[in-house]
Amino acid sequence: MSDSLVLKGVKDVQKHKGTEMLLMRPKRGGDSHQIKKWWAMNAKSAIYVGCSVFKVAGGSGDVYLALDTNEMSSIRIDHDGTYNFNFYGISQLSRAALFTDSWELIEHYMFPKIAKGPITTVTPPGAASKPSAPPAITIGTVSITGTTNVADGATETYTVDNTGNSTPSFVLTSSEAGDVIAGLDVTFNGAGSRTLTATATDATASDSPASGTLAINATRSIAQAAAAADVSYEVTVVDVGGSNKYALDGDAQAEITINAGESIHFDMSDASTSGHPIAIYTDASKTTTVTVGIETSAESSDLVFTPPIAGTFSYQCTQHAAMGGTITVN
């Protein structure tokens, strides 16, 4: 924090830009406080001078800034928030002093009128210490917590936090334009990976804005994948010459032709497929299982295959040999 103001005369505060410096009015009335001369502390009798006094808020306590003003004086005072002051445009003033909240002298300032040069800061022997400065306000590290593996179409609520001493406001955004965000609730629209970003802002923090991210992977349900498939086959298991074979829409070991990027839904809901789980392989001998472009579910034995490249593949039972057929991808 910081504060700045211009004092005209003994009580006319102008151009005040903060809230840390507060002009104090004497309880006994009048405009000036009577302060014992701090530059004559060893005098045999107390000598007082009329002053304008500001109560200054900062770190661990308040201090008082006294200035030997008069009706013709003028000065600009800047406070950096940690009990350090700069003075400008000084007219008709000679001195100022900083006191603790119990009126112990911390330091005093001789203005050019008596310093005969730049403003001089004097710390007398045995002077009181300034209160400790306030800690810097920071946002720190921003973190997002919540579910990272989500279902397409699901709404999830996330928690955002920061490690600093600031209490910022957070805005959550997604790298996926289709996602709908309301506060910290995210409704995911579309399968695939995306990044959630939480941006924290606090005008009082030195590191504002700050942000944190969370990687998310959204998967669609097998029902969603099946509904979006380009072709769908009802799979049954039939007897061909004494051997079990897959039939697609009643056609045993049917061959499939499809284009790269199009999807095939294998509907395994028929009771005959029990004990005959389906998978996609690079060839009929089941040498290598295909994992790219495959969508399955623990709740269903169905499979959706979206070949990413042209080539030849084979759909086969994982438990028994030579039950399936060829998939040609153009």
Foldseek 3Di string as FASTA:
>chain_A
DKWKWKDAFQDDIHPTDDDFKAWDADPVDDRWDWDFPPVPVVDPDTDTATWTWIWGDAAPAIKIKTWRGHNGWMWMWMGPRFPDIDIPPTDPTAKMFIAGPVRFTQWIWGPCVPVVDHIDIGGDPPGDHGPGGHDAFAQAAKDKDWDAEAAQQDKTFIDIGGDTPDDWQKDKDKPDVPWDDDRRIIGHHDFAKIKIKIWTADPRHPPPTDMDIDIHGYHYALVVLQVQAPEEWEWAWDADPNDTAIDTVNRTQDEAEEAAQGKYKYADPDPRCVVFQKFKAQDQVRPDTDDPQWDDDPVGSMIMGHHNDFDKMWMGGPVDGDRHYIYGYD
